[in-house]
Amino acid sequence: QVQLVESGGGLVQPGGSLRLSCAASRSSFSFNIMGWFRQFPGKQRELVATMTSNGSTNLADSVKGRFTISKDNAKNTVYLQMNSLKPEDTAVYYCYARVSGAAVGYWGQGTQVTVSS
């Protein structure tokens, strides 16, 4: 079983920045993909950013140029640096990780990000 513990959400003004962290309970080398999704009220969860084990990244068009995903394998942690935040970024953000060879992945508990003045 894998546990993913997120932190770093909160309330920020438009134009501000936040950094989300997701610490995994096992070595990040065991995952072939780690990343972040978000969910708006009444909507399906959507991809924000992912990173593969070889460092390839994929970002949603809506966050390109503003968000950056990174990983610290020594800490088994994946980060989402969010800059130039907009009110439409307000959502619950979920960490995701899939173990190499597994059909399904694991989810964190979610962290609320609210962008409002």
N, C-alpha and C. Protein backbone atom coordinates (compact mmCIF):
# COMPACT_ATOMS: atom_id res chain seq x y z
N GLN A 1 0.84 -1.19 0.00
CA GLN A 1 0.00 0.00 0.00
C GLN A 1 0.88 1.25 0.00
N VAL A 2 0.46 2.24 -0.73
CA VAL A 2 1.20 3.48 -0.85
C VAL A 2 0.38 4.61 -0.25
N GLN A 3 1.03 5.43 0.53
CA GLN A 3 0.38 6.63 1.05
C GLN A 3 1.02 7.86 0.44
N LEU A 4 0.18 8.80 0.05
CA LEU A 4 0.62 10.08 -0.50
C LEU A 4 0.06 11.17 0.40
N VAL A 5 0.94 11.98 0.96
CA VAL A 5 0.52 13.03 1.88
C VAL A 5 0.84 14.39 1.28
N GLU A 6 -0.23 15.15 1.02
CA GLU A 6 -0.09 16.46 0.40
C GLU A 6 -0.03 17.55 1.45
N SER A 7 0.61 18.64 1.08
CA SER A 7 0.63 19.83 1.93
C SER A 7 0.88 21.05 1.05
N GLY A 8 0.60 22.23 1.62
CA GLY A 8 0.92 23.46 0.92
C GLY A 8 -0.26 24.23 0.35
N GLY A 9 -1.45 23.67 0.44
CA GLY A 9 -2.61 24.40 -0.06
C GLY A 9 -2.97 25.55 0.86
N GLY A 10 -3.94 26.34 0.41
CA GLY A 10 -4.38 27.46 1.23
C GLY A 10 -5.02 28.54 0.40
N LEU A 11 -5.13 29.71 1.02
CA LEU A 11 -5.75 30.87 0.39
C LEU A 11 -4.66 31.83 -0.08
N VAL A 12 -4.77 32.27 -1.32
CA VAL A 12 -3.79 33.19 -1.88
C VAL A 12 -4.52 34.19 -2.77
N GLN A 13 -3.97 35.38 -2.87
CA GLN A 13 -4.56 36.41 -3.71
C GLN A 13 -4.22 36.15 -5.18
N PRO A 14 -5.05 36.63 -6.08
CA PRO A 14 -4.72 36.52 -7.51
C PRO A 14 -3.34 37.09 -7.80
N GLY A 15 -2.60 36.37 -8.63
CA GLY A 15 -1.23 36.77 -8.93
C GLY A 15 -0.20 36.20 -7.99
N GLY A 16 -0.66 35.59 -6.92
CA GLY A 16 0.26 35.04 -5.93
C GLY A 16 0.77 33.66 -6.30
N SER A 17 1.53 33.07 -5.38
CA SER A 17 2.15 31.78 -5.62
C SER A 17 1.91 30.84 -4.44
N LEU A 18 1.90 29.57 -4.75
CA LEU A 18 1.86 28.51 -3.74
C LEU A 18 2.70 27.35 -4.25
N ARG A 19 3.24 26.58 -3.31
CA ARG A 19 3.93 25.36 -3.68
C ARG A 19 3.28 24.19 -2.95
N LEU A 20 2.79 23.25 -3.72
CA LEU A 20 2.23 22.03 -3.14
C LEU A 20 3.31 20.96 -3.07
N SER A 21 3.26 20.17 -2.01
CA SER A 21 4.19 19.06 -1.84
C SER A 21 3.40 17.77 -1.65
N CYS A 22 3.97 16.69 -2.11
CA CYS A 22 3.35 15.37 -1.95
C CYS A 22 4.45 14.38 -1.61
N ALA A 23 4.41 13.90 -0.37
CA ALA A 23 5.41 12.95 0.10
C ALA A 23 4.85 11.53 0.01
N ALA A 24 5.61 10.66 -0.63
CA ALA A 24 5.19 9.27 -0.80
C ALA A 24 5.80 8.39 0.29
N SER A 25 5.09 7.31 0.62
CA SER A 25 5.53 6.43 1.69
C SER A 25 6.52 5.37 1.20
N ARG A 26 6.85 5.41 -0.07
CA ARG A 26 7.87 4.52 -0.59
C ARG A 26 8.72 5.28 -1.59
N SER A 27 9.81 4.67 -2.00
CA SER A 27 10.75 5.36 -2.87
C SER A 27 10.07 5.82 -4.16
N SER A 28 10.35 7.07 -4.51
CA SER A 28 9.78 7.61 -5.74
C SER A 28 10.34 6.90 -6.97
N PHE A 29 11.45 6.18 -6.81
CA PHE A 29 12.00 5.43 -7.93
C PHE A 29 11.09 4.28 -8.34
N SER A 30 10.18 3.89 -7.44
CA SER A 30 9.28 2.78 -7.76
C SER A 30 8.08 3.21 -8.61
N PHE A 31 7.92 4.53 -8.79
CA PHE A 31 6.78 5.03 -9.56
C PHE A 31 7.21 5.33 -10.99
N ASN A 32 6.40 4.96 -11.95
CA ASN A 32 6.72 5.35 -13.31
C ASN A 32 6.08 6.69 -13.67
N ILE A 33 5.17 7.14 -12.83
CA ILE A 33 4.58 8.46 -13.04
C ILE A 33 4.09 9.04 -11.71
N MET A 34 4.33 10.30 -11.52
CA MET A 34 3.80 11.04 -10.37
C MET A 34 3.26 12.36 -10.89
N GLY A 35 2.28 12.89 -10.19
CA GLY A 35 1.75 14.15 -10.69
C GLY A 35 0.62 14.72 -9.87
N TRP A 36 -0.04 15.68 -10.47
CA TRP A 36 -1.10 16.43 -9.80
C TRP A 36 -2.33 16.52 -10.71
N PHE A 37 -3.47 16.35 -10.08
CA PHE A 37 -4.76 16.57 -10.72
C PHE A 37 -5.53 17.56 -9.86
N ARG A 38 -6.58 18.13 -10.42
CA ARG A 38 -7.43 19.00 -9.63
C ARG A 38 -8.89 18.75 -9.97
N GLN A 39 -9.73 19.14 -9.03
CA GLN A 39 -11.16 18.90 -9.20
C GLN A 39 -11.93 20.14 -8.79
N PHE A 40 -12.72 20.64 -9.73
CA PHE A 40 -13.62 21.76 -9.45
C PHE A 40 -14.94 21.21 -8.95
N PRO A 41 -15.69 21.98 -8.18
CA PRO A 41 -16.97 21.49 -7.67
C PRO A 41 -17.89 21.01 -8.78
N GLY A 42 -18.39 19.80 -8.64
CA GLY A 42 -19.31 19.26 -9.63
C GLY A 42 -18.68 18.79 -10.92
N LYS A 43 -17.34 18.78 -10.96
CA LYS A 43 -16.65 18.40 -12.18
C LYS A 43 -15.79 17.17 -11.95
N GLN A 44 -15.36 16.55 -13.05
CA GLN A 44 -14.44 15.42 -12.98
C GLN A 44 -13.03 15.92 -12.66
N ARG A 45 -12.27 15.04 -12.07
CA ARG A 45 -10.87 15.37 -11.79
C ARG A 45 -10.13 15.54 -13.12
N GLU A 46 -9.25 16.55 -13.20
CA GLU A 46 -8.53 16.80 -14.45
C GLU A 46 -7.03 16.89 -14.20
N LEU A 47 -6.28 16.53 -15.22
CA LEU A 47 -4.83 16.55 -15.12
C LEU A 47 -4.32 17.99 -15.04
N VAL A 48 -3.37 18.19 -14.14
CA VAL A 48 -2.67 19.48 -14.06
C VAL A 48 -1.25 19.31 -14.59
N ALA A 49 -0.51 18.37 -13.99
CA ALA A 49 0.88 18.16 -14.40
C ALA A 49 1.32 16.78 -13.96
N THR A 50 2.12 16.13 -14.80
CA THR A 50 2.69 14.83 -14.44
C THR A 50 4.16 14.80 -14.83
N MET A 51 4.88 13.90 -14.17
CA MET A 51 6.29 13.69 -14.47
C MET A 51 6.55 12.20 -14.47
N THR A 52 7.22 11.71 -15.52
CA THR A 52 7.54 10.29 -15.59
C THR A 52 8.87 10.03 -14.86
N SER A 53 9.19 8.77 -14.73
CA SER A 53 10.41 8.39 -14.02
C SER A 53 11.67 8.87 -14.72
N ASN A 54 11.59 9.12 -16.02
CA ASN A 54 12.78 9.62 -16.74
C ASN A 54 12.78 11.15 -16.82
N GLY A 55 11.84 11.78 -16.12
CA GLY A 55 11.85 13.24 -16.03
C GLY A 55 10.99 13.97 -17.06
N SER A 56 10.33 13.25 -17.93
CA SER A 56 9.46 13.91 -18.90
C SER A 56 8.23 14.48 -18.19
N THR A 57 7.86 15.68 -18.59
CA THR A 57 6.72 16.35 -17.95
C THR A 57 5.60 16.60 -18.95
N ASN A 58 4.41 16.68 -18.40
CA ASN A 58 3.22 16.99 -19.20
C ASN A 58 2.37 17.95 -18.37
N LEU A 59 2.06 19.12 -18.93
CA LEU A 59 1.27 20.11 -18.22
C LEU A 59 0.02 20.45 -19.02
N ALA A 60 -1.07 20.68 -18.31
CA ALA A 60 -2.28 21.13 -18.97
C ALA A 60 -2.04 22.49 -19.62
N ASP A 61 -2.69 22.73 -20.74
CA ASP A 61 -2.51 24.00 -21.44
C ASP A 61 -2.85 25.19 -20.55
N SER A 62 -3.82 25.02 -19.68
CA SER A 62 -4.28 26.13 -18.85
C SER A 62 -3.25 26.56 -17.80
N VAL A 63 -2.24 25.74 -17.55
CA VAL A 63 -1.26 26.08 -16.53
C VAL A 63 0.15 26.25 -17.09
N LYS A 64 0.33 25.97 -18.36
CA LYS A 64 1.67 26.12 -18.96
C LYS A 64 2.16 27.55 -18.83
N GLY A 65 3.42 27.67 -18.44
CA GLY A 65 4.01 28.98 -18.24
C GLY A 65 3.78 29.54 -16.84
N ARG A 66 2.91 28.89 -16.07
CA ARG A 66 2.62 29.36 -14.71
C ARG A 66 2.97 28.32 -13.65
N PHE A 67 2.73 27.06 -13.95
CA PHE A 67 2.97 25.97 -13.00
C PHE A 67 4.19 25.16 -13.44
N THR A 68 4.89 24.64 -12.45
CA THR A 68 6.04 23.78 -12.71
C THR A 68 5.97 22.57 -11.81
N ILE A 69 6.22 21.38 -12.36
CA ILE A 69 6.28 20.17 -11.56
C ILE A 69 7.73 19.74 -11.43
N SER A 70 8.08 19.29 -10.22
CA SER A 70 9.43 18.82 -9.98
C SER A 70 9.38 17.69 -8.96
N LYS A 71 10.52 17.03 -8.81
CA LYS A 71 10.54 15.86 -7.93
C LYS A 71 11.88 15.81 -7.22
N ASP A 72 11.86 15.44 -5.95
CA ASP A 72 13.08 15.22 -5.18
C ASP A 72 13.08 13.75 -4.77
N ASN A 73 13.86 12.95 -5.48
CA ASN A 73 13.86 11.51 -5.22
C ASN A 73 14.44 11.18 -3.83
N ALA A 74 15.32 12.02 -3.35
CA ALA A 74 15.89 11.78 -2.02
C ALA A 74 14.83 11.90 -0.92
N LYS A 75 13.80 12.70 -1.19
CA LYS A 75 12.73 12.90 -0.21
C LYS A 75 11.44 12.20 -0.62
N ASN A 76 11.47 11.47 -1.75
CA ASN A 76 10.28 10.78 -2.25
C ASN A 76 9.10 11.75 -2.38
N THR A 77 9.39 12.94 -2.86
CA THR A 77 8.41 14.01 -2.87
C THR A 77 8.30 14.64 -4.25
N VAL A 78 7.07 14.91 -4.65
CA VAL A 78 6.81 15.64 -5.89
C VAL A 78 6.19 16.98 -5.53
N TYR A 79 6.56 18.00 -6.26
CA TYR A 79 6.13 19.37 -5.98
C TYR A 79 5.35 19.94 -7.16
N LEU A 80 4.49 20.88 -6.84
CA LEU A 80 3.83 21.67 -7.86
C LEU A 80 3.99 23.13 -7.47
N GLN A 81 4.84 23.83 -8.20
CA GLN A 81 5.02 25.26 -7.98
C GLN A 81 4.00 26.01 -8.83
N MET A 82 3.15 26.78 -8.18
CA MET A 82 2.08 27.48 -8.88
C MET A 82 2.30 28.98 -8.75
N ASN A 83 2.56 29.63 -9.87
CA ASN A 83 2.76 31.07 -9.91
C ASN A 83 1.63 31.74 -10.69
N SER A 84 1.53 33.04 -10.53
CA SER A 84 0.51 33.83 -11.26
C SER A 84 -0.87 33.18 -11.14
N LEU A 85 -1.22 32.84 -9.93
CA LEU A 85 -2.48 32.13 -9.71
C LEU A 85 -3.68 33.00 -10.06
N LYS A 86 -4.70 32.32 -10.58
CA LYS A 86 -5.94 32.99 -10.99
C LYS A 86 -7.11 32.41 -10.19
N PRO A 87 -8.18 33.17 -10.06
CA PRO A 87 -9.36 32.63 -9.35
C PRO A 87 -9.83 31.30 -9.95
N GLU A 88 -9.68 31.13 -11.24
CA GLU A 88 -10.12 29.88 -11.88
C GLU A 88 -9.22 28.68 -11.57
N ASP A 89 -8.13 28.92 -10.85
CA ASP A 89 -7.30 27.81 -10.37
C ASP A 89 -7.83 27.24 -9.05
N THR A 90 -8.84 27.90 -8.49
CA THR A 90 -9.42 27.42 -7.24
C THR A 90 -10.01 26.03 -7.42
N ALA A 91 -9.52 25.08 -6.62
CA ALA A 91 -9.94 23.69 -6.74
C ALA A 91 -9.31 22.89 -5.62
N VAL A 92 -9.71 21.62 -5.54
CA VAL A 92 -9.01 20.68 -4.67
C VAL A 92 -7.95 19.99 -5.54
N TYR A 93 -6.72 20.03 -5.07
CA TYR A 93 -5.60 19.45 -5.82
C TYR A 93 -5.22 18.11 -5.20
N TYR A 94 -5.07 17.12 -6.07
CA TYR A 94 -4.76 15.76 -5.64
C TYR A 94 -3.43 15.30 -6.21
N CYS A 95 -2.65 14.68 -5.37
CA CYS A 95 -1.42 14.04 -5.79
C CYS A 95 -1.75 12.65 -6.32
N TYR A 96 -1.00 12.21 -7.32
CA TYR A 96 -1.22 10.90 -7.93
C TYR A 96 0.13 10.25 -8.18
N ALA A 97 0.18 8.94 -8.00
CA ALA A 97 1.39 8.19 -8.30
C ALA A 97 1.01 6.78 -8.72
N ARG A 98 1.71 6.27 -9.71
CA ARG A 98 1.47 4.91 -10.17
C ARG A 98 2.77 4.13 -10.12
N VAL A 99 2.70 2.99 -9.47
CA VAL A 99 3.86 2.11 -9.37
C VAL A 99 4.12 1.47 -10.73
N SER A 100 5.37 1.34 -11.07
CA SER A 100 5.75 0.72 -12.34
C SER A 100 5.12 -0.66 -12.45
N GLY A 101 4.45 -0.90 -13.58
CA GLY A 101 3.84 -2.19 -13.83
C GLY A 101 2.43 -2.34 -13.29
N ALA A 102 1.97 -1.37 -12.52
CA ALA A 102 0.63 -1.45 -11.94
C ALA A 102 -0.41 -0.89 -12.92
N ALA A 103 -1.63 -1.41 -12.82
CA ALA A 103 -2.69 -0.95 -13.70
C ALA A 103 -3.35 0.32 -13.18
N VAL A 104 -3.34 0.49 -11.89
CA VAL A 104 -3.97 1.68 -11.30
C VAL A 104 -2.98 2.37 -10.38
N GLY A 105 -3.30 3.63 -10.09
CA GLY A 105 -2.41 4.40 -9.24
C GLY A 105 -3.03 4.71 -7.89
N TYR A 106 -2.31 5.53 -7.15
CA TYR A 106 -2.74 5.93 -5.82
C TYR A 106 -3.00 7.43 -5.80
N TRP A 107 -3.91 7.82 -4.89
CA TRP A 107 -4.28 9.22 -4.75
C TRP A 107 -4.01 9.71 -3.34
N GLY A 108 -3.63 10.98 -3.25
CA GLY A 108 -3.57 11.62 -1.95
C GLY A 108 -4.96 12.03 -1.51
N GLN A 109 -5.02 12.65 -0.32
CA GLN A 109 -6.32 13.00 0.25
C GLN A 109 -6.87 14.31 -0.32
N GLY A 110 -6.04 15.06 -1.00
CA GLY A 110 -6.46 16.32 -1.59
C GLY A 110 -6.15 17.51 -0.69
N THR A 111 -5.83 18.62 -1.32
CA THR A 111 -5.58 19.85 -0.59
C THR A 111 -6.26 21.01 -1.32
N GLN A 112 -6.95 21.85 -0.55
CA GLN A 112 -7.72 22.94 -1.15
C GLN A 112 -6.81 24.11 -1.49
N VAL A 113 -6.96 24.61 -2.69
CA VAL A 113 -6.31 25.84 -3.12
C VAL A 113 -7.40 26.83 -3.49
N THR A 114 -7.37 27.98 -2.83
CA THR A 114 -8.37 29.02 -3.08
C THR A 114 -7.65 30.29 -3.48
N VAL A 115 -8.01 30.82 -4.65
CA VAL A 115 -7.40 32.05 -5.15
C VAL A 115 -8.50 33.11 -5.14
N SER A 116 -8.34 34.06 -4.23
CA SER A 116 -9.38 35.06 -4.05
C SER A 116 -8.80 36.30 -3.39
N SER A 117 -9.36 37.45 -3.74
CA SER A 117 -8.95 38.69 -3.09
C SER A 117 -9.86 39.00 -1.91
